[in-house]
Amino acid sequence: MTESPTASQVLRRPRLLTTEVLAGIVTTLALIPEVIAFSVIAGVDPKVSLMASVVLAVSMSILGGRPAMITAAAGAVALVVAPLVHEHGAQYLLPTVVLAGIVQILFGVLGLARLMRFIPRSVMIGFVNALGILIFTAQLPHVIGVPWPVYPMFALTLLIVIGLPRITKAVPAPLVAIVVVTSIAMVAHLAIPTVGDQGAVGGGSPGVTPLLVPLNLETLRIIGPTALSVAFVGLMETLLTAKLVDGITDTKSDKGRESWALGVANILAGFWGGIAGCAMIGQTVVNVKLGRARTRVSTFIAGVMLLALVTVLSDVMEQIPMVALAAVMMVVAVSTIDFHSVRPSTLKRMPLSETSVMVVTVAVVVATDNLAIGVGVGVLLAMVLFARRVAHVVTVERFAGTESVIYTVHGPLFFGSSNDLVEQFSYAEDPASVSVDFSAAQIWDASTVAVLDSVQAKYADHGIEVRFIGLDKNSVRFHSRLTGTLD
């Protein structure tokens, strides 16, 4: 792992500061159309989502555990809260967001973010590939069935984004492309779709969100399921994105801090804005890949710039052609996909189970348009395939003498692998002295202890007392605590 510069180091080095500031500006421009689109899905005013995104971006820049990762009002959260808003009204959003934030704080404080280590590599690859597909397909409406001037602007944006880095990397190519294309569109008075066509971005701050529902058990019944969904969907997307950025930047992040910080940020956004959010994966990739940002300065600038655009520079923002932003995000999508994982040579070497998990993860994400559901299904499938594989790794060898028999057990013993263990012994044929050697095995759960009790009972029916030998310390403690109590 390498060490990224700190925010204080960036502020003392003009070149690094310029990189971070420009990356933050590009990230803001990529952020606004999606936030507006997500506000429509959630059923709230675009200004609500934009202001909540300001609060989220700034607060996570200060509190979060993953520098350079942008947090804002996100699509996954919008999909979760939409049914609540449509059925009960937007007034239930504030208590929902606050309760979700409390759950996320508890998740981080209790150290549950460590559960992320159980997400297999095949699921992570599926997550990344599905992310690239979703980002790409989300841009298609902006380049299909549009006025013809859109297409030369699209080609010009791609030319600048792809070609400029080969000449200089002093200024982010996406920022140059957006400025150039916007200037041409304004000077030539091109009739092409702009950010302003997506929804109003000006009008100032919505202010403090008022509490319009009573705090009672009925309100808790209404908001409870949605709040839990918001909490866990937000955590999953945020922690997966943090892990992705760790890999891109070759640095480590504090997942526990990121979890409780997200909870605090969502509570703040609920009171000043009104909707929750989580890590924005596509915009984060823009920040760390295209913008080459590595510190909190970039995301702080993104939040401040978003505030300025919403409150002061909204007229300028509304003039940006959507095709410029779509072209930038398409480049991001293509660079996000792990093409090595789908090469025929790679697929030929990979176990079928690993490939199946990756493909299912991608398929579910694309079908549901929800990264969290796809990852959940991928993890469950990986667990099932793992259990099935491990169930066949336990072997039992029998060494028979004239007056004694020793069985040697090899492999981890848990509910999936130990159920057939009871059938591996010759109860009626064995002599009076029987030993089972577990030197090459470990007891992992109560199901195994119950199976061993059954083995002892079957030998007892034949008047034979069996001895269990070679257990390690943990297995001895586990077995002695539970044996004889499970029937």
Protein backbone atom coordinates (compact mmCIF):
# COMPACT_ATOMS: atom_id res chain seq x y z
CA MET A 1 0.00 0.00 0.00
CA THR A 2 1.16 3.53 -0.81
CA GLU A 3 0.51 6.68 1.19
CA SER A 4 -1.55 9.46 -0.36
CA PRO A 5 -0.79 13.09 0.54
CA THR A 6 -2.81 14.52 3.40
CA ALA A 7 -5.13 17.48 3.03
CA SER A 8 -2.67 19.72 4.88
CA GLN A 9 0.15 18.68 2.53
CA VAL A 10 -2.04 19.45 -0.49
CA LEU A 11 -2.82 22.93 0.81
CA ARG A 12 0.93 23.68 1.00
CA ARG A 13 1.70 22.41 -2.52
CA PRO A 14 0.06 24.49 -5.31
CA ARG A 15 0.38 21.78 -7.97
CA LEU A 16 -1.38 19.16 -5.85
CA LEU A 17 -3.97 21.70 -4.77
CA THR A 18 -4.74 22.56 -8.40
CA THR A 19 -5.23 18.87 -9.21
CA GLU A 20 -7.60 18.37 -6.28
CA VAL A 21 -9.62 21.52 -7.01
CA LEU A 22 -10.04 20.72 -10.70
CA ALA A 23 -10.97 17.12 -9.90
CA GLY A 24 -13.61 18.39 -7.48
CA ILE A 25 -15.08 20.69 -10.13
CA VAL A 26 -15.29 17.88 -12.69
CA THR A 27 -16.90 15.62 -10.10
CA THR A 28 -19.52 18.27 -9.35
CA LEU A 29 -20.43 18.60 -13.01
CA ALA A 30 -20.81 14.82 -13.28
CA LEU A 31 -22.88 14.79 -10.08
CA ILE A 32 -25.68 17.23 -10.82
CA PRO A 33 -27.62 15.43 -13.61
CA GLU A 34 -27.72 12.16 -11.66
CA VAL A 35 -28.81 13.84 -8.42
CA ILE A 36 -31.63 15.58 -10.30
CA ALA A 37 -32.65 12.31 -11.96
CA PHE A 38 -32.62 10.49 -8.62
CA SER A 39 -34.81 13.20 -7.04
CA VAL A 40 -37.45 12.44 -9.66
CA ILE A 41 -37.28 8.74 -8.77
CA ALA A 42 -37.57 9.50 -5.05
CA GLY A 43 -40.49 11.87 -5.59
CA VAL A 44 -38.86 14.96 -4.08
CA ASP A 45 -37.96 18.42 -5.37
CA PRO A 46 -34.57 18.47 -7.20
CA LYS A 47 -33.37 21.31 -4.93
CA VAL A 48 -33.93 19.01 -1.93
CA SER A 49 -31.59 16.35 -3.34
CA LEU A 50 -29.04 18.94 -4.48
CA MET A 51 -28.85 20.58 -1.05
CA ALA A 52 -28.72 17.21 0.71
CA SER A 53 -25.83 16.32 -1.61
CA VAL A 54 -23.99 19.48 -0.55
CA VAL A 55 -24.35 18.50 3.10
CA LEU A 56 -23.33 14.89 2.42
CA ALA A 57 -20.27 15.80 0.34
CA VAL A 58 -18.94 18.40 2.77
CA SER A 59 -19.61 16.43 5.97
CA MET A 60 -18.15 13.19 4.58
CA SER A 61 -15.07 15.10 3.39
CA ILE A 62 -14.46 15.99 7.03
CA LEU A 63 -15.70 12.88 8.84
CA GLY A 64 -15.34 9.99 6.37
CA GLY A 65 -12.76 7.24 6.41
CA ARG A 66 -12.14 7.09 2.64
CA PRO A 67 -10.52 10.24 1.19
CA ALA A 68 -11.46 11.24 -2.39
CA MET A 69 -14.75 9.28 -2.31
CA ILE A 70 -17.78 11.45 -3.10
CA THR A 71 -21.05 10.97 -1.21
CA ALA A 72 -24.38 12.44 -2.36
CA ALA A 73 -28.05 11.66 -2.85
CA ALA A 74 -27.84 8.36 -4.72
CA GLY A 75 -30.02 6.20 -6.93
CA ALA A 76 -29.99 3.16 -4.63
CA VAL A 77 -31.44 5.22 -1.77
CA ALA A 78 -33.93 6.92 -4.11
CA LEU A 79 -35.28 3.52 -5.18
CA VAL A 80 -35.74 2.49 -1.54
CA VAL A 81 -37.53 5.64 -0.33
CA ALA A 82 -39.72 6.10 -3.43
CA PRO A 83 -42.53 3.71 -2.30
CA LEU A 84 -42.66 5.40 1.15
CA VAL A 85 -42.94 8.88 -0.40
CA HIS A 86 -45.55 7.82 -2.92
CA GLU A 87 -47.69 5.97 -0.34
CA HIS A 88 -47.36 8.15 2.78
CA GLY A 89 -45.87 11.45 1.61
CA ALA A 90 -42.51 13.25 1.75
CA GLN A 91 -43.13 14.31 5.37
CA TYR A 92 -42.04 10.83 6.50
CA LEU A 93 -38.59 11.23 4.92
CA LEU A 94 -37.00 13.13 7.82
CA PRO A 95 -37.67 10.52 10.56
CA THR A 96 -36.79 7.75 8.08
CA VAL A 97 -33.42 9.32 7.24
CA VAL A 98 -32.62 10.04 10.90
CA LEU A 99 -33.42 6.46 11.95
CA ALA A 100 -31.33 5.10 9.05
CA GLY A 101 -28.45 7.34 10.15
CA ILE A 102 -28.66 6.01 13.71
CA VAL A 103 -28.49 2.42 12.41
CA GLN A 104 -25.43 3.29 10.31
CA ILE A 105 -23.72 4.92 13.31
CA LEU A 106 -24.32 1.79 15.39
CA PHE A 107 -23.01 -0.36 12.52
CA GLY A 108 -19.76 1.62 12.45
CA VAL A 109 -19.32 1.91 16.22
CA LEU A 110 -19.86 -1.84 16.73
CA GLY A 111 -17.23 -2.67 14.10
CA LEU A 112 -19.64 -4.52 11.80
CA ALA A 113 -17.96 -3.01 8.74
CA ARG A 114 -15.47 -5.87 9.03
CA LEU A 115 -18.16 -8.09 7.49
CA MET A 116 -17.06 -6.67 4.14
CA ARG A 117 -14.16 -9.13 4.19
CA PHE A 118 -16.66 -11.90 3.48
CA ILE A 119 -17.56 -10.50 0.06
CA PRO A 120 -15.71 -12.76 -2.43
CA ARG A 121 -13.52 -11.44 -5.23
CA SER A 122 -15.90 -12.82 -7.86
CA VAL A 123 -18.74 -10.72 -6.39
CA MET A 124 -16.52 -7.62 -6.36
CA ILE A 125 -15.62 -8.16 -10.03
CA GLY A 126 -19.31 -8.63 -10.85
CA PHE A 127 -20.09 -5.46 -8.90
CA VAL A 128 -17.51 -3.46 -10.87
CA ASN A 129 -18.58 -4.85 -14.25
CA ALA A 130 -22.27 -4.26 -13.51
CA LEU A 131 -21.44 -0.74 -12.39
CA GLY A 132 -19.78 -0.03 -15.74
CA ILE A 133 -22.79 -1.41 -17.61
CA LEU A 134 -25.26 0.66 -15.57
CA ILE A 135 -23.27 3.86 -15.97
CA PHE A 136 -23.02 3.32 -19.73
CA THR A 137 -26.68 2.43 -20.31
CA ALA A 138 -27.83 5.35 -18.15
CA GLN A 139 -26.22 7.72 -20.66
CA LEU A 140 -27.85 6.22 -23.77
CA PRO A 141 -31.03 8.35 -23.60
CA HIS A 142 -28.81 11.42 -23.98
CA VAL A 143 -27.30 10.22 -27.28
CA ILE A 144 -30.19 8.30 -28.88
CA GLY A 145 -33.14 9.98 -30.56
CA VAL A 146 -31.74 13.48 -30.00
CA PRO A 147 -31.25 16.47 -32.36
CA TRP A 148 -28.45 15.94 -34.89
CA PRO A 149 -26.12 18.65 -33.43
CA VAL A 150 -25.74 16.41 -30.38
CA TYR A 151 -23.61 13.91 -32.32
CA PRO A 152 -20.73 16.20 -33.37
CA MET A 153 -20.68 17.54 -29.78
CA PHE A 154 -20.54 13.93 -28.55
CA ALA A 155 -17.62 13.15 -30.89
CA LEU A 156 -15.79 16.33 -29.85
CA THR A 157 -16.18 15.49 -26.15
CA LEU A 158 -14.80 11.98 -26.67
CA LEU A 159 -11.91 13.35 -28.71
CA ILE A 160 -10.90 15.76 -25.95
CA VAL A 161 -11.41 13.32 -23.05
CA ILE A 162 -9.41 10.55 -24.74
CA GLY A 163 -6.87 12.62 -26.66
CA LEU A 164 -5.93 15.49 -24.34
CA PRO A 165 -4.24 13.29 -21.67
CA ARG A 166 -1.76 12.17 -24.34
CA ILE A 167 -0.68 15.80 -24.73
CA THR A 168 -0.93 17.09 -21.15
CA LYS A 169 -2.38 16.02 -17.81
CA ALA A 170 -2.04 19.42 -16.19
CA VAL A 171 -5.79 20.01 -16.52
CA PRO A 172 -8.47 17.28 -16.31
CA ALA A 173 -9.58 16.44 -19.85
CA PRO A 174 -13.28 16.10 -18.85
CA LEU A 175 -13.30 19.66 -17.51
CA VAL A 176 -11.75 20.99 -20.73
CA ALA A 177 -14.27 19.00 -22.80
CA ILE A 178 -17.27 20.28 -20.84
CA VAL A 179 -16.08 23.91 -21.03
CA VAL A 180 -15.34 23.71 -24.78
CA VAL A 181 -18.60 21.99 -25.71
CA THR A 182 -20.67 24.30 -23.50
CA SER A 183 -19.01 27.37 -25.03
CA ILE A 184 -19.66 26.14 -28.58
CA ALA A 185 -23.29 25.35 -27.77
CA MET A 186 -23.86 28.78 -26.23
CA VAL A 187 -22.08 30.77 -28.96
CA ALA A 188 -23.72 28.82 -31.81
CA HIS A 189 -27.12 28.78 -30.04
CA LEU A 190 -27.41 25.03 -30.59
CA ALA A 191 -30.82 23.57 -29.76
CA ILE A 192 -29.60 20.57 -27.78
CA PRO A 193 -30.70 19.19 -24.37
CA THR A 194 -29.01 20.84 -21.39
CA VAL A 195 -28.81 20.30 -17.63
CA GLY A 196 -31.57 22.87 -17.21
CA ASP A 197 -33.92 20.60 -19.16
CA GLN A 198 -33.54 17.91 -16.49
CA GLY A 199 -35.02 20.06 -13.73
CA ALA A 200 -34.61 23.34 -11.88
CA VAL A 201 -31.23 23.60 -10.12
CA GLY A 202 -31.50 27.14 -8.76
CA GLY A 203 -33.66 28.86 -6.21
CA GLY A 204 -31.43 28.74 -3.15
CA SER A 205 -31.48 26.51 -0.10
CA PRO A 206 -34.64 24.70 1.06
CA GLY A 207 -33.65 25.44 4.68
CA VAL A 208 -34.13 23.28 7.76
CA THR A 209 -36.48 20.34 7.16
CA PRO A 210 -39.53 20.63 9.43
CA LEU A 211 -40.82 17.60 11.34
CA LEU A 212 -44.43 17.20 10.18
CA VAL A 213 -45.33 13.78 11.62
CA PRO A 214 -45.80 12.68 15.24
CA LEU A 215 -43.03 10.66 16.89
CA ASN A 216 -45.03 7.62 17.96
CA LEU A 217 -45.21 3.87 17.37
CA GLU A 218 -47.41 4.27 14.30
CA THR A 219 -44.77 6.47 12.65
CA LEU A 220 -42.10 3.93 13.62
CA ARG A 221 -44.19 1.17 12.02
CA ILE A 222 -44.42 3.15 8.79
CA ILE A 223 -40.79 4.21 8.55
CA GLY A 224 -39.04 1.21 10.17
CA PRO A 225 -38.66 -1.14 7.18
CA THR A 226 -37.68 1.68 4.83
CA ALA A 227 -35.17 3.11 7.32
CA LEU A 228 -33.45 -0.26 7.70
CA SER A 229 -33.34 -0.67 3.92
CA VAL A 230 -31.86 2.81 3.49
CA ALA A 231 -29.25 2.08 6.16
CA PHE A 232 -28.05 -1.22 4.75
CA VAL A 233 -28.27 -0.31 1.06
CA GLY A 234 -26.32 2.88 1.76
CA LEU A 235 -23.72 1.02 3.81
CA MET A 236 -23.28 -1.70 1.22
CA GLU A 237 -22.77 0.70 -1.68
CA THR A 238 -20.50 2.96 0.37
CA LEU A 239 -18.27 0.18 1.70
CA LEU A 240 -18.05 -1.54 -1.69
CA THR A 241 -17.10 1.77 -3.28
CA ALA A 242 -14.50 2.35 -0.57
CA LYS A 243 -13.02 -1.06 -1.30
CA LEU A 244 -12.99 -0.24 -5.02
CA VAL A 245 -11.17 3.06 -4.40
CA ASP A 246 -8.70 1.27 -2.12
CA GLY A 247 -7.76 -0.86 -5.10
CA ILE A 248 -7.59 2.03 -7.58
CA THR A 249 -5.40 4.20 -5.33
CA ASP A 250 -3.48 1.36 -3.63
CA THR A 251 -4.32 2.86 -0.22
CA LYS A 252 -6.26 1.74 2.85
CA SER A 253 -9.44 3.23 4.26
CA ASP A 254 -11.15 3.10 7.64
CA LYS A 255 -14.40 1.26 6.93
CA GLY A 256 -15.70 1.60 10.50
CA ARG A 257 -15.18 5.37 10.43
CA GLU A 258 -16.77 5.55 7.00
CA SER A 259 -19.85 3.73 8.34
CA TRP A 260 -20.56 5.92 11.37
CA ALA A 261 -19.62 9.05 9.43
CA LEU A 262 -22.21 8.15 6.78
CA GLY A 263 -24.81 7.89 9.54
CA VAL A 264 -23.91 11.34 10.90
CA ALA A 265 -23.88 12.84 7.39
CA ASN A 266 -27.29 11.36 6.58
CA ILE A 267 -28.79 12.78 9.77
CA LEU A 268 -27.39 16.20 8.89
CA ALA A 269 -28.68 15.87 5.32
CA GLY A 270 -32.08 14.86 6.64
CA PHE A 271 -32.35 18.05 8.67
CA TRP A 272 -30.89 20.28 5.94
CA GLY A 273 -32.06 18.96 2.62
CA GLY A 274 -34.37 16.11 3.49
CA ILE A 275 -33.05 12.94 1.83
CA ALA A 276 -30.33 10.39 2.55
CA GLY A 277 -27.46 9.32 0.34
CA CYS A 278 -24.38 7.15 0.03
CA ALA A 279 -21.20 6.91 -2.02
CA MET A 280 -21.64 7.86 -5.68
CA ILE A 281 -19.67 5.19 -7.48
CA GLY A 282 -19.48 6.66 -10.98
CA GLN A 283 -18.62 10.14 -9.74
CA THR A 284 -16.01 8.71 -7.38
CA VAL A 285 -14.36 6.99 -10.33
CA VAL A 286 -14.40 10.34 -12.15
CA ASN A 287 -12.69 11.92 -9.16
CA VAL A 288 -9.95 9.36 -8.58
CA LYS A 289 -9.35 8.12 -12.15
CA LEU A 290 -10.01 11.01 -14.49
CA GLY A 291 -9.34 13.77 -11.97
CA ARG A 292 -6.47 11.92 -10.22
CA ALA A 293 -7.68 13.17 -6.81
CA ARG A 294 -6.42 11.47 -3.68
CA THR A 295 -7.51 13.58 -0.70
CA ARG A 296 -10.50 15.09 1.08
CA VAL A 297 -9.83 18.42 -0.59
CA SER A 298 -11.38 17.26 -3.88
CA THR A 299 -14.65 16.11 -2.31
CA PHE A 300 -14.85 19.20 -0.11
CA ILE A 301 -14.42 21.37 -3.21
CA ALA A 302 -17.11 19.30 -4.96
CA GLY A 303 -19.55 20.05 -2.13
CA VAL A 304 -18.71 23.76 -2.04
CA MET A 305 -18.86 24.01 -5.83
CA LEU A 306 -22.24 22.30 -5.86
CA LEU A 307 -23.49 24.81 -3.29
CA ALA A 308 -22.24 27.68 -5.45
CA LEU A 309 -23.88 26.27 -8.56
CA VAL A 310 -27.21 25.78 -6.81
CA THR A 311 -27.30 29.18 -5.12
CA VAL A 312 -25.29 31.54 -7.36
CA LEU A 313 -24.27 30.00 -10.69
CA SER A 314 -27.40 28.04 -11.54
CA ASP A 315 -27.92 29.94 -14.82
CA VAL A 316 -24.46 28.88 -16.02
CA MET A 317 -24.96 25.29 -14.87
CA GLU A 318 -28.25 24.98 -16.73
CA GLN A 319 -26.47 25.73 -20.04
CA ILE A 320 -24.18 22.65 -19.93
CA PRO A 321 -25.16 20.21 -22.72
CA MET A 322 -26.19 16.83 -21.40
CA VAL A 323 -24.24 15.13 -24.19
CA ALA A 324 -20.94 16.43 -22.76
CA LEU A 325 -21.66 14.89 -19.36
CA ALA A 326 -22.97 11.69 -20.97
CA ALA A 327 -19.80 11.28 -23.05
CA VAL A 328 -17.60 11.75 -19.97
CA MET A 329 -19.58 9.16 -18.01
CA MET A 330 -19.41 6.70 -20.92
CA VAL A 331 -15.62 6.93 -20.87
CA VAL A 332 -15.77 6.31 -17.12
CA ALA A 333 -18.03 3.29 -17.67
CA VAL A 334 -15.71 1.69 -20.20
CA SER A 335 -12.66 2.25 -17.98
CA THR A 336 -14.53 0.81 -14.98
CA ILE A 337 -15.30 -2.59 -16.52
CA ASP A 338 -12.69 -5.26 -15.79
CA PHE A 339 -12.28 -6.59 -19.34
CA HIS A 340 -9.55 -9.00 -18.20
CA SER A 341 -12.18 -10.89 -16.18
CA VAL A 342 -14.24 -11.69 -19.30
CA ARG A 343 -11.45 -12.65 -21.69
CA PRO A 344 -11.81 -16.23 -23.00
CA SER A 345 -8.34 -17.10 -21.67
CA THR A 346 -9.31 -15.90 -18.18
CA LEU A 347 -12.69 -17.66 -18.23
CA LYS A 348 -11.00 -20.89 -19.32
CA ARG A 349 -8.70 -20.83 -16.26
CA MET A 350 -11.29 -19.71 -13.71
CA PRO A 351 -13.37 -22.32 -11.84
CA LEU A 352 -16.94 -22.51 -13.14
CA SER A 353 -18.31 -21.59 -9.71
CA GLU A 354 -16.32 -18.33 -9.63
CA THR A 355 -17.45 -17.38 -13.12
CA SER A 356 -21.07 -18.25 -12.25
CA VAL A 357 -21.03 -15.96 -9.21
CA MET A 358 -19.64 -13.08 -11.27
CA VAL A 359 -22.17 -13.56 -14.08
CA VAL A 360 -25.13 -13.87 -11.70
CA THR A 361 -24.05 -10.74 -9.82
CA VAL A 362 -23.88 -8.77 -13.08
CA ALA A 363 -27.18 -10.18 -14.35
CA VAL A 364 -29.12 -9.41 -11.17
CA VAL A 365 -27.70 -5.89 -10.90
CA VAL A 366 -28.56 -5.10 -14.52
CA ALA A 367 -32.04 -6.69 -14.25
CA THR A 368 -32.97 -4.89 -11.01
CA ASP A 369 -30.94 -1.70 -11.62
CA ASN A 370 -29.84 -2.10 -8.00
CA LEU A 371 -26.23 -2.82 -7.05
CA ALA A 372 -27.12 -3.82 -3.49
CA ILE A 373 -29.55 -6.57 -4.57
CA GLY A 374 -27.04 -7.95 -7.06
CA VAL A 375 -24.25 -8.05 -4.50
CA GLY A 376 -26.55 -9.72 -1.96
CA VAL A 377 -27.57 -12.44 -4.43
CA GLY A 378 -23.94 -12.91 -5.49
CA VAL A 379 -22.77 -13.36 -1.90
CA LEU A 380 -25.55 -15.87 -1.17
CA LEU A 381 -24.69 -17.87 -4.29
CA ALA A 382 -21.01 -17.82 -3.37
CA MET A 383 -21.86 -19.10 0.12
CA VAL A 384 -23.98 -21.93 -1.26
CA LEU A 385 -21.30 -22.98 -3.74
CA PHE A 386 -18.64 -22.76 -1.04
CA ALA A 387 -20.66 -24.92 1.35
CA ARG A 388 -21.30 -27.44 -1.41
CA ARG A 389 -17.59 -27.57 -2.22
CA VAL A 390 -16.47 -27.88 1.40
CA ALA A 391 -19.08 -30.56 2.09
CA HIS A 392 -17.02 -33.00 0.03
CA VAL A 393 -13.57 -32.28 1.48
CA VAL A 394 -14.00 -34.38 4.65
CA THR A 395 -12.54 -37.87 4.42
CA VAL A 396 -12.38 -40.73 6.93
CA GLU A 397 -9.69 -43.43 6.90
CA ARG A 398 -10.00 -46.71 8.84
CA PHE A 399 -6.94 -48.48 10.25
CA ALA A 400 -7.93 -51.86 11.67
CA GLY A 401 -5.89 -54.00 14.03
CA THR A 402 -6.72 -57.33 15.67
CA GLU A 403 -8.06 -55.75 18.87
CA SER A 404 -8.51 -52.07 18.00
CA VAL A 405 -9.53 -49.74 15.22
CA ILE A 406 -8.46 -46.15 14.62
CA TYR A 407 -10.42 -43.83 12.35
CA THR A 408 -8.65 -40.68 11.10
CA VAL A 409 -10.83 -37.73 10.05
CA HIS A 410 -9.49 -35.10 7.64
CA GLY A 411 -11.09 -31.69 6.96
CA PRO A 412 -13.25 -28.99 8.56
CA LEU A 413 -16.39 -30.25 10.26
CA PHE A 414 -19.52 -28.09 10.11
CA PHE A 415 -23.19 -28.60 9.25
CA GLY A 416 -22.50 -29.05 5.54
CA SER A 417 -19.63 -31.51 5.84
CA SER A 418 -20.37 -33.50 9.00
CA ASN A 419 -23.91 -34.75 8.32
CA ASP A 420 -22.61 -37.81 6.45
CA LEU A 421 -19.93 -38.51 9.05
CA VAL A 422 -22.19 -40.83 11.05
CA GLU A 423 -22.29 -43.23 8.07
CA GLN A 424 -18.50 -43.59 7.83
CA PHE A 425 -18.08 -46.07 10.71
CA SER A 426 -18.45 -49.87 10.80
CA TYR A 427 -20.33 -50.13 14.09
CA ALA A 428 -21.21 -53.82 13.93
CA GLU A 429 -17.79 -54.97 12.67
CA ASP A 430 -15.45 -52.99 14.92
CA PRO A 431 -13.75 -54.56 17.97
CA ALA A 432 -14.13 -53.31 21.55
CA SER A 433 -11.47 -50.58 21.23
CA VAL A 434 -12.32 -47.77 18.82
CA SER A 435 -10.59 -44.40 18.56
CA VAL A 436 -11.38 -41.48 16.24
CA ASP A 437 -8.40 -39.22 15.56
CA PHE A 438 -9.25 -35.55 14.82
CA SER A 439 -5.67 -34.31 14.54
CA ALA A 440 -6.36 -33.33 10.93
CA ALA A 441 -9.85 -31.95 11.54
CA GLN A 442 -11.61 -29.15 13.43
CA ILE A 443 -15.07 -28.88 14.98
CA TRP A 444 -16.78 -25.69 13.81
CA ASP A 445 -20.40 -25.88 14.97
CA ALA A 446 -23.07 -27.54 17.11
CA SER A 447 -24.27 -29.72 14.23
CA THR A 448 -20.92 -31.54 14.29
CA VAL A 449 -21.12 -32.08 18.06
CA ALA A 450 -24.60 -33.57 17.60
CA VAL A 451 -23.23 -35.92 14.91
CA LEU A 452 -20.39 -37.05 17.20
CA ASP A 453 -22.93 -37.71 19.97
CA SER A 454 -24.83 -39.90 17.49
CA VAL A 455 -21.62 -41.79 16.66
CA GLN A 456 -21.02 -42.44 20.37
CA ALA A 457 -24.64 -43.56 20.82
CA LYS A 458 -24.45 -46.02 17.91
CA TYR A 459 -21.25 -47.55 19.27
CA ALA A 460 -22.86 -47.72 22.73
CA ASP A 461 -25.72 -49.75 21.21
CA HIS A 462 -23.06 -52.33 20.27
CA GLY A 463 -21.44 -52.21 23.70
CA ILE A 464 -18.42 -50.24 22.46
CA GLU A 465 -17.02 -47.09 24.05
CA VAL A 466 -15.44 -44.84 21.41
CA ARG A 467 -12.66 -42.34 22.20
CA PHE A 468 -12.18 -39.01 20.42
CA ILE A 469 -8.51 -38.07 20.29
CA GLY A 470 -6.35 -35.38 18.69
CA LEU A 471 -8.83 -32.51 19.04
CA ASP A 472 -7.25 -29.03 19.12
CA LYS A 473 -7.95 -26.70 22.06
CA ASN A 474 -10.83 -24.85 20.42
CA SER A 475 -12.50 -28.08 19.33
CA VAL A 476 -12.10 -29.57 22.82
CA ARG A 477 -13.74 -26.53 24.43
CA PHE A 478 -16.56 -26.50 21.87
CA HIS A 479 -17.22 -30.24 22.18
CA SER A 480 -17.04 -30.41 25.97
CA ARG A 481 -19.46 -27.47 26.33
CA LEU A 482 -22.14 -28.95 24.05
CA THR A 483 -21.81 -32.74 24.08
CA GLY A 484 -24.76 -34.49 25.66
CA THR A 485 -26.93 -31.34 25.66
CA LEU A 486 -28.18 -31.30 22.06
CA ASP A 487 -30.54 -34.30 22.01
